Amino acid sequence: MKIAKGFTLSEILIAMLVLGIIVAASVPIILNLTPNKNVIMMKKAYYATENIVHSLINDQNYYPDMTANCIKSDGTLENSGTNDCYYGFDYAPNAINVPGVAGSVATSYKLQCLFASKLNIKEDLADVCAGTETIVTTMDGMSWKIDGLSNGPADGTIQIDVDGINKGVHAYHITPTATPTSPTGLCADADTWSPATCNSNLTARAKKNFDRIQITISRDGKLTIEDNQEEFAKIIRGEVKLMGDDDDK
């Protein structure tokens, strides 16, 4: 009779040891091939902003093309707001009606109201359009500070924290009076919304894991990433691809 031969205990232990070594060596490689989740969310936020701005500035109901009124008889251009001459987001002479919001929206809150209406926010849109809500949270957890949007010739700004304002590198707590206190992130500053304010205090690792961005929107709909956000600008331009770690560690 032929007796079947199996593995000895020592052979099994050696095989498990080799397998453990292989797994231990592979995990860091696999983790480094995993996209940084903040980078994914930042790209999502940027392209969402780009799409919203493009759709609004081309909406003839809210921002009609009135550049034809800007050409004077001598061929020069009128100043914006003169003789029905308006450029892009400059057009804000009257209160507007926004679907889902009772009553009219004041001129001063027009752009931020319309911008928020394009986001899937948790807050009441009516509060945003009334100017009482300046930071909104989308269903994916991103916080958007939109009260910097301008209804005139000045450039406007939005600031986005992709993992929420109470989490990550730039985290801080907000009191009922909306005054930042007791910062919990690496930027122990009263105004942690400002990327420039925090930049000098962040370590190299923290800069890799940055979670807050600022985008400037001009009256003609052009988006600009400020110079103090080089890492973010490089990501959007496709010059670098951050992988691996996130700021939850």
C-alpha atoms as a PDB file:
ATOM      1  CA  MET A   1       0.000   0.000   0.000  1.00  0.00           C
ATOM      2  CA  LYS A   2       1.296   3.423  -0.958  1.00  0.00           C
ATOM      3  CA  ILE A   3       1.219   5.853   1.920  1.00  0.00           C
ATOM      4  CA  ALA A   4       0.364   9.507   1.022  1.00  0.00           C
ATOM      5  CA  LYS A   5       2.968  11.893   2.287  1.00  0.00           C
ATOM      6  CA  GLY A   6       1.873  15.301   3.647  1.00  0.00           C
ATOM      7  CA  PHE A   7       3.722  18.410   4.796  1.00  0.00           C
ATOM      8  CA  THR A   8       5.534  18.395   8.068  1.00  0.00           C
ATOM      9  CA  LEU A   9       4.853  21.030  10.704  1.00  0.00           C
ATOM     10  CA  SER A  10       8.229  22.642  10.100  1.00  0.00           C
ATOM     11  CA  GLU A  11       7.537  22.901   6.351  1.00  0.00           C
ATOM     12  CA  ILE A  12       4.186  24.597   7.006  1.00  0.00           C
ATOM     13  CA  LEU A  13       5.799  27.061   9.426  1.00  0.00           C
ATOM     14  CA  ILE A  14       8.530  27.906   6.920  1.00  0.00           C
ATOM     15  CA  ALA A  15       5.922  28.462   4.182  1.00  0.00           C
ATOM     16  CA  MET A  16       3.903  30.752   6.476  1.00  0.00           C
ATOM     17  CA  LEU A  17       7.048  32.688   7.371  1.00  0.00           C
ATOM     18  CA  VAL A  18       7.931  33.226   3.707  1.00  0.00           C
ATOM     19  CA  LEU A  19       4.361  34.260   2.930  1.00  0.00           C
ATOM     20  CA  GLY A  20       4.430  36.719   5.839  1.00  0.00           C
ATOM     21  CA  ILE A  21       7.630  38.286   4.560  1.00  0.00           C
ATOM     22  CA  ILE A  22       6.147  38.685   1.084  1.00  0.00           C
ATOM     23  CA  VAL A  23       2.967  40.304   2.464  1.00  0.00           C
ATOM     24  CA  ALA A  24       4.952  42.647   4.724  1.00  0.00           C
ATOM     25  CA  ALA A  25       7.078  43.762   1.806  1.00  0.00           C
ATOM     26  CA  SER A  26       4.079  44.213  -0.504  1.00  0.00           C
ATOM     27  CA  VAL A  27       1.811  46.277   1.768  1.00  0.00           C
ATOM     28  CA  PRO A  28       3.831  49.546   1.584  1.00  0.00           C
ATOM     29  CA  ILE A  29       4.010  49.226  -2.197  1.00  0.00           C
ATOM     30  CA  ILE A  30       0.262  48.683  -2.468  1.00  0.00           C
ATOM     31  CA  LEU A  31      -0.446  51.606  -0.139  1.00  0.00           C
ATOM     32  CA  ASN A  32       1.769  53.904  -2.195  1.00  0.00           C
ATOM     33  CA  LEU A  33      -0.148  52.951  -5.316  1.00  0.00           C
ATOM     34  CA  THR A  34      -3.412  53.994  -3.680  1.00  0.00           C
ATOM     35  CA  PRO A  35      -4.459  57.544  -4.617  1.00  0.00           C
ATOM     36  CA  ASN A  36      -4.368  60.112  -1.820  1.00  0.00           C
ATOM     37  CA  LYS A  37      -8.041  60.640  -1.000  1.00  0.00           C
ATOM     38  CA  ASN A  38      -7.589  64.375  -0.421  1.00  0.00           C
ATOM     39  CA  VAL A  39      -6.166  64.725  -3.921  1.00  0.00           C
ATOM     40  CA  ILE A  40      -9.187  62.946  -5.369  1.00  0.00           C
ATOM     41  CA  MET A  41     -11.553  65.252  -3.479  1.00  0.00           C
ATOM     42  CA  MET A  42      -9.599  68.382  -4.449  1.00  0.00           C
ATOM     43  CA  LYS A  43      -9.801  67.507  -8.102  1.00  0.00           C
ATOM     44  CA  LYS A  44     -13.504  66.865  -7.680  1.00  0.00           C
ATOM     45  CA  ALA A  45     -13.979  70.246  -5.963  1.00  0.00           C
ATOM     46  CA  TYR A  46     -11.982  72.119  -8.587  1.00  0.00           C
ATOM     47  CA  TYR A  47     -13.777  70.617 -11.552  1.00  0.00           C
ATOM     48  CA  ALA A  48     -17.156  71.063  -9.853  1.00  0.00           C
ATOM     49  CA  THR A  49     -16.317  74.734  -9.354  1.00  0.00           C
ATOM     50  CA  GLU A  50     -15.219  75.032 -12.966  1.00  0.00           C
ATOM     51  CA  ASN A  51     -18.447  73.483 -14.237  1.00  0.00           C
ATOM     52  CA  ILE A  52     -20.666  75.605 -11.996  1.00  0.00           C
ATOM     53  CA  VAL A  53     -18.926  78.849 -12.935  1.00  0.00           C
ATOM     54  CA  HIS A  54     -19.142  77.980 -16.620  1.00  0.00           C
ATOM     55  CA  SER A  55     -22.852  77.177 -16.397  1.00  0.00           C
ATOM     56  CA  LEU A  56     -23.661  80.362 -14.474  1.00  0.00           C
ATOM     57  CA  ILE A  57     -21.705  82.825 -16.581  1.00  0.00           C
ATOM     58  CA  ASN A  58     -23.427  81.416 -19.662  1.00  0.00           C
ATOM     59  CA  ASP A  59     -26.890  81.585 -18.106  1.00  0.00           C
ATOM     60  CA  GLN A  60     -28.616  84.401 -19.997  1.00  0.00           C
ATOM     61  CA  ASN A  61     -31.365  84.557 -17.381  1.00  0.00           C
ATOM     62  CA  TYR A  62     -29.009  85.639 -14.604  1.00  0.00           C
ATOM     63  CA  TYR A  63     -26.002  86.964 -16.503  1.00  0.00           C
ATOM     64  CA  PRO A  64     -27.106  88.166 -19.957  1.00  0.00           C
ATOM     65  CA  ASP A  65     -24.446  89.064 -22.502  1.00  0.00           C
ATOM     66  CA  MET A  66     -24.457  92.867 -22.462  1.00  0.00           C
ATOM     67  CA  THR A  67     -21.011  93.516 -23.896  1.00  0.00           C
ATOM     68  CA  ALA A  68     -22.618  95.064 -27.009  1.00  0.00           C
ATOM     69  CA  ASN A  69     -23.635  97.974 -24.777  1.00  0.00           C
ATOM     70  CA  CYS A  70     -20.005  98.515 -23.782  1.00  0.00           C
ATOM     71  CA  ILE A  71     -18.776  99.871 -27.114  1.00  0.00           C
ATOM     72  CA  LYS A  72     -18.920 103.661 -27.254  1.00  0.00           C
ATOM     73  CA  SER A  73     -19.271 105.677 -30.453  1.00  0.00           C
ATOM     74  CA  ASP A  74     -15.532 106.343 -30.548  1.00  0.00           C
ATOM     75  CA  GLY A  75     -14.757 102.621 -30.323  1.00  0.00           C
ATOM     76  CA  THR A  76     -13.577 102.642 -26.721  1.00  0.00           C
ATOM     77  CA  LEU A  77     -15.234 100.622 -23.988  1.00  0.00           C
ATOM     78  CA  GLU A  78     -17.540 101.844 -21.273  1.00  0.00           C
ATOM     79  CA  ASN A  79     -16.760 101.111 -17.663  1.00  0.00           C
ATOM     80  CA  SER A  80     -18.726  98.185 -16.299  1.00  0.00           C
ATOM     81  CA  GLY A  81     -22.045  99.302 -14.832  1.00  0.00           C
ATOM     82  CA  THR A  82     -22.310 102.323 -17.128  1.00  0.00           C
ATOM     83  CA  ASN A  83     -25.154 102.668 -19.661  1.00  0.00           C
ATOM     84  CA  ASP A  84     -26.268  99.054 -19.252  1.00  0.00           C
ATOM     85  CA  CYS A  85     -22.745  97.818 -19.882  1.00  0.00           C
ATOM     86  CA  TYR A  86     -21.848  94.778 -17.807  1.00  0.00           C
ATOM     87  CA  TYR A  87     -19.148  92.125 -18.055  1.00  0.00           C
ATOM     88  CA  GLY A  88     -19.904  88.571 -16.921  1.00  0.00           C
ATOM     89  CA  PHE A  89     -20.521  88.370 -13.184  1.00  0.00           C
ATOM     90  CA  ASP A  90     -20.646  92.167 -12.968  1.00  0.00           C
ATOM     91  CA  TYR A  91     -24.303  92.044 -13.945  1.00  0.00           C
ATOM     92  CA  ALA A  92     -26.157  92.340 -10.649  1.00  0.00           C
ATOM     93  CA  PRO A  93     -28.424  95.403 -10.841  1.00  0.00           C
ATOM     94  CA  ASN A  94     -31.552  93.779  -9.490  1.00  0.00           C
ATOM     95  CA  ALA A  95     -32.728  91.227  -6.970  1.00  0.00           C
ATOM     96  CA  ILE A  96     -33.418  87.807  -8.491  1.00  0.00           C
ATOM     97  CA  ASN A  97     -35.679  84.828  -7.961  1.00  0.00           C
ATOM     98  CA  VAL A  98     -34.053  81.441  -7.415  1.00  0.00           C
ATOM     99  CA  PRO A  99     -35.987  78.154  -7.648  1.00  0.00           C
ATOM    100  CA  GLY A 100     -36.621  76.689  -4.223  1.00  0.00           C
ATOM    101  CA  VAL A 101     -36.098  79.998  -2.419  1.00  0.00           C
ATOM    102  CA  ALA A 102     -39.097  82.018  -1.291  1.00  0.00           C
ATOM    103  CA  GLY A 103     -38.971  85.710  -2.181  1.00  0.00           C
ATOM    104  CA  SER A 104     -36.253  87.488  -4.088  1.00  0.00           C
ATOM    105  CA  VAL A 105     -32.515  87.265  -3.445  1.00  0.00           C
ATOM    106  CA  ALA A 106     -30.644  90.498  -2.790  1.00  0.00           C
ATOM    107  CA  THR A 107     -28.045  91.587  -5.314  1.00  0.00           C
ATOM    108  CA  SER A 108     -25.216  91.285  -2.787  1.00  0.00           C
ATOM    109  CA  TYR A 109     -25.878  87.542  -2.321  1.00  0.00           C
ATOM    110  CA  LYS A 110     -26.714  86.725  -5.920  1.00  0.00           C
ATOM    111  CA  LEU A 111     -23.610  84.846  -6.986  1.00  0.00           C
ATOM    112  CA  GLN A 112     -23.088  82.886  -3.779  1.00  0.00           C
ATOM    113  CA  CYS A 113     -26.776  81.933  -3.788  1.00  0.00           C
ATOM    114  CA  LEU A 114     -26.657  80.707  -7.378  1.00  0.00           C
ATOM    115  CA  PHE A 115     -23.374  78.894  -6.777  1.00  0.00           C
ATOM    116  CA  ALA A 116     -24.772  77.096  -3.720  1.00  0.00           C
ATOM    117  CA  SER A 117     -27.908  76.153  -5.667  1.00  0.00           C
ATOM    118  CA  LYS A 118     -25.683  74.081  -7.965  1.00  0.00           C
ATOM    119  CA  LEU A 119     -24.178  72.154  -5.050  1.00  0.00           C
ATOM    120  CA  ASN A 120     -25.857  69.314  -3.194  1.00  0.00           C
ATOM    121  CA  ILE A 121     -25.700  70.999   0.212  1.00  0.00           C
ATOM    122  CA  LYS A 122     -26.942  69.935   3.626  1.00  0.00           C
ATOM    123  CA  GLU A 123     -27.894  73.462   4.711  1.00  0.00           C
ATOM    124  CA  ASP A 124     -31.047  75.362   3.781  1.00  0.00           C
ATOM    125  CA  LEU A 125     -30.402  77.189   0.511  1.00  0.00           C
ATOM    126  CA  ALA A 126     -32.653  80.042   1.675  1.00  0.00           C
ATOM    127  CA  ASP A 127     -30.212  80.798   4.514  1.00  0.00           C
ATOM    128  CA  VAL A 128     -27.322  80.968   2.065  1.00  0.00           C
ATOM    129  CA  CYS A 129     -29.285  83.277  -0.215  1.00  0.00           C
ATOM    130  CA  ALA A 130     -30.127  85.501   2.740  1.00  0.00           C
ATOM    131  CA  GLY A 131     -26.459  85.778   3.698  1.00  0.00           C
ATOM    132  CA  THR A 132     -26.895  84.109   7.101  1.00  0.00           C
ATOM    133  CA  GLU A 133     -25.077  80.924   6.074  1.00  0.00           C
ATOM    134  CA  THR A 134     -21.575  81.468   4.706  1.00  0.00           C
ATOM    135  CA  ILE A 135     -20.129  77.960   4.928  1.00  0.00           C
ATOM    136  CA  VAL A 136     -21.999  75.070   3.345  1.00  0.00           C
ATOM    137  CA  THR A 137     -21.334  71.347   3.462  1.00  0.00           C
ATOM    138  CA  THR A 138     -21.916  69.082   0.500  1.00  0.00           C
ATOM    139  CA  MET A 139     -23.159  65.536   0.894  1.00  0.00           C
ATOM    140  CA  ASP A 140     -19.650  64.205   0.287  1.00  0.00           C
ATOM    141  CA  GLY A 141     -18.391  65.982   3.424  1.00  0.00           C
ATOM    142  CA  MET A 142     -16.595  68.936   1.814  1.00  0.00           C
ATOM    143  CA  SER A 143     -16.987  72.389   3.386  1.00  0.00           C
ATOM    144  CA  TRP A 144     -17.318  75.386   1.055  1.00  0.00           C
ATOM    145  CA  LYS A 145     -16.817  78.958   2.257  1.00  0.00           C
ATOM    146  CA  ILE A 146     -18.588  80.941  -0.456  1.00  0.00           C
ATOM    147  CA  ASP A 147     -19.228  84.363   1.033  1.00  0.00           C
ATOM    148  CA  GLY A 148     -16.123  85.626  -0.778  1.00  0.00           C
ATOM    149  CA  LEU A 149     -17.892  85.463  -4.130  1.00  0.00           C
ATOM    150  CA  SER A 150     -18.183  88.933  -5.609  1.00  0.00           C
ATOM    151  CA  ASN A 151     -21.023  90.520  -7.574  1.00  0.00           C
ATOM    152  CA  GLY A 152     -18.952  93.141  -9.294  1.00  0.00           C
ATOM    153  CA  PRO A 153     -15.641  93.922 -10.947  1.00  0.00           C
ATOM    154  CA  ALA A 154     -13.594  92.631  -8.014  1.00  0.00           C
ATOM    155  CA  ASP A 155     -12.420  89.012  -8.078  1.00  0.00           C
ATOM    156  CA  GLY A 156     -14.310  86.637  -5.818  1.00  0.00           C
ATOM    157  CA  THR A 157     -13.009  83.656  -3.866  1.00  0.00           C
ATOM    158  CA  ILE A 158     -14.216  80.337  -2.581  1.00  0.00           C
ATOM    159  CA  GLN A 159     -12.351  78.249  -0.039  1.00  0.00           C
ATOM    160  CA  ILE A 160     -12.877  74.519   0.189  1.00  0.00           C
ATOM    161  CA  ASP A 161     -11.906  72.077   2.928  1.00  0.00           C
ATOM    162  CA  VAL A 162     -12.239  68.695   1.296  1.00  0.00           C
ATOM    163  CA  ASP A 163     -12.560  66.671   4.511  1.00  0.00           C
ATOM    164  CA  GLY A 164     -14.578  69.185   6.545  1.00  0.00           C
ATOM    165  CA  ILE A 165     -13.469  72.121   8.649  1.00  0.00           C
ATOM    166  CA  ASN A 166     -13.078  70.075  11.840  1.00  0.00           C
ATOM    167  CA  LYS A 167     -10.790  67.421  10.404  1.00  0.00           C
ATOM    168  CA  GLY A 168      -7.340  67.125   8.920  1.00  0.00           C
ATOM    169  CA  VAL A 169      -4.375  69.469   8.564  1.00  0.00           C
ATOM    170  CA  HIS A 170      -6.342  72.719   8.740  1.00  0.00           C
ATOM    171  CA  ALA A 171      -8.953  71.599  11.276  1.00  0.00           C
ATOM    172  CA  TYR A 172     -10.490  73.900  13.872  1.00  0.00           C
ATOM    173  CA  HIS A 173     -13.646  74.137  15.981  1.00  0.00           C
ATOM    174  CA  ILE A 174     -16.313  76.761  15.411  1.00  0.00           C
ATOM    175  CA  THR A 175     -18.256  78.318  18.276  1.00  0.00           C
ATOM    176  CA  PRO A 176     -21.932  79.348  17.891  1.00  0.00           C
ATOM    177  CA  THR A 177     -20.689  82.827  16.965  1.00  0.00           C
ATOM    178  CA  ALA A 178     -18.711  81.321  14.076  1.00  0.00           C
ATOM    179  CA  THR A 179     -15.405  82.487  15.570  1.00  0.00           C
ATOM    180  CA  PRO A 180     -12.655  79.875  15.127  1.00  0.00           C
ATOM    181  CA  THR A 181     -11.320  78.807  18.529  1.00  0.00           C
ATOM    182  CA  SER A 182      -9.146  76.030  19.919  1.00  0.00           C
ATOM    183  CA  PRO A 183      -7.595  74.900  16.649  1.00  0.00           C
ATOM    184  CA  THR A 184      -7.119  71.143  16.472  1.00  0.00           C
ATOM    185  CA  GLY A 185      -5.086  71.062  13.262  1.00  0.00           C
ATOM    186  CA  LEU A 186      -1.483  71.992  12.598  1.00  0.00           C
ATOM    187  CA  CYS A 187      -2.350  75.647  11.977  1.00  0.00           C
ATOM    188  CA  ALA A 188      -3.007  77.193  15.375  1.00  0.00           C
ATOM    189  CA  ASP A 189      -4.212  80.470  13.940  1.00  0.00           C
ATOM    190  CA  ALA A 190      -7.448  82.453  14.215  1.00  0.00           C
ATOM    191  CA  ASP A 191      -7.959  82.400  10.457  1.00  0.00           C
ATOM    192  CA  THR A 192      -7.210  78.869   9.355  1.00  0.00           C
ATOM    193  CA  TRP A 193      -9.219  79.355   6.182  1.00  0.00           C
ATOM    194  CA  SER A 194      -6.259  81.202   4.702  1.00  0.00           C
ATOM    195  CA  PRO A 195      -3.785  78.859   2.957  1.00  0.00           C
ATOM    196  CA  ALA A 196      -1.151  81.607   3.045  1.00  0.00           C
ATOM    197  CA  THR A 197      -1.471  82.038   6.817  1.00  0.00           C
ATOM    198  CA  CYS A 198      -0.876  78.371   7.520  1.00  0.00           C
ATOM    199  CA  ASN A 199       1.662  77.571   4.833  1.00  0.00           C
ATOM    200  CA  SER A 200       4.772  78.586   6.787  1.00  0.00           C
ATOM    201  CA  ASN A 201       3.698  76.542   9.821  1.00  0.00           C
ATOM    202  CA  LEU A 202       3.167  73.272   7.988  1.00  0.00           C
ATOM    203  CA  THR A 203       5.722  70.499   7.878  1.00  0.00           C
ATOM    204  CA  ALA A 204       6.712  68.847   4.603  1.00  0.00           C
ATOM    205  CA  ARG A 205       4.476  65.874   5.386  1.00  0.00           C
ATOM    206  CA  ALA A 206       1.558  68.130   6.229  1.00  0.00           C
ATOM    207  CA  LYS A 207       2.005  70.041   2.987  1.00  0.00           C
ATOM    208  CA  LYS A 208       1.721  66.755   1.150  1.00  0.00           C
ATOM    209  CA  ASN A 209      -1.535  66.103   2.979  1.00  0.00           C
ATOM    210  CA  PHE A 210      -3.019  69.573   2.596  1.00  0.00           C
ATOM    211  CA  ASP A 211      -6.806  69.511   2.617  1.00  0.00           C
ATOM    212  CA  ARG A 212      -7.849  73.140   2.071  1.00  0.00           C
ATOM    213  CA  ILE A 213      -7.728  75.107  -1.145  1.00  0.00           C
ATOM    214  CA  GLN A 214      -8.654  78.598  -2.316  1.00  0.00           C
ATOM    215  CA  ILE A 215      -9.860  79.397  -5.823  1.00  0.00           C
ATOM    216  CA  THR A 216     -10.219  82.921  -7.197  1.00  0.00           C
ATOM    217  CA  ILE A 217     -13.009  83.561  -9.683  1.00  0.00           C
ATOM    218  CA  SER A 218     -12.777  86.614 -11.926  1.00  0.00           C
ATOM    219  CA  ARG A 219     -15.773  88.460 -13.349  1.00  0.00           C
ATOM    220  CA  ASP A 220     -15.226  86.773 -16.717  1.00  0.00           C
ATOM    221  CA  GLY A 221     -15.378  83.311 -15.144  1.00  0.00           C
ATOM    222  CA  LYS A 222     -11.656  82.564 -15.140  1.00  0.00           C
ATOM    223  CA  LEU A 223     -10.424  80.384 -12.275  1.00  0.00           C
ATOM    224  CA  THR A 224      -7.063  81.060 -10.647  1.00  0.00           C
ATOM    225  CA  ILE A 225      -5.120  79.075  -8.060  1.00  0.00           C
ATOM    226  CA  GLU A 226      -3.099  81.411  -5.859  1.00  0.00           C
ATOM    227  CA  ASP A 227       0.710  81.193  -5.813  1.00  0.00           C
ATOM    228  CA  ASN A 228       0.840  79.941  -2.221  1.00  0.00           C
ATOM    229  CA  GLN A 229      -0.836  76.682  -3.271  1.00  0.00           C
ATOM    230  CA  GLU A 230       1.869  75.307  -5.538  1.00  0.00           C
ATOM    231  CA  GLU A 231       1.139  71.673  -4.691  1.00  0.00           C
ATOM    232  CA  PHE A 232      -2.539  72.017  -5.635  1.00  0.00           C
ATOM    233  CA  ALA A 233      -1.737  73.908  -8.824  1.00  0.00           C
ATOM    234  CA  LYS A 234       0.698  71.192  -9.912  1.00  0.00           C
ATOM    235  CA  ILE A 235      -1.919  68.522  -9.289  1.00  0.00           C
ATOM    236  CA  ILE A 236      -4.530  70.311 -11.392  1.00  0.00           C
ATOM    237  CA  ARG A 237      -1.985  70.844 -14.180  1.00  0.00           C
ATOM    238  CA  GLY A 238      -1.094  67.155 -14.013  1.00  0.00           C
ATOM    239  CA  GLU A 239       2.546  67.830 -13.130  1.00  0.00           C
ATOM    240  CA  VAL A 240       2.545  65.701  -9.988  1.00  0.00           C
ATOM    241  CA  LYS A 241       0.492  62.819  -8.706  1.00  0.00           C
ATOM    242  CA  LEU A 242       0.348  62.426  -4.949  1.00  0.00           C
ATOM    243  CA  MET A 243      -0.232  58.880  -3.792  1.00  0.00           C
ATOM    244  CA  GLY A 244      -0.418  56.978  -0.546  1.00  0.00           C
ATOM    245  CA  ASP A 245      -0.693  58.695   2.852  1.00  0.00           C
ATOM    246  CA  ASP A 246      -3.589  60.862   3.957  1.00  0.00           C
ATOM    247  CA  ASP A 247      -3.916  63.287   6.841  1.00  0.00           C
ATOM    248  CA  ASP A 248      -5.941  61.004   9.092  1.00  0.00           C
ATOM    249  CA  LYS A 249      -2.773  59.364  10.395  1.00  0.00           C
END
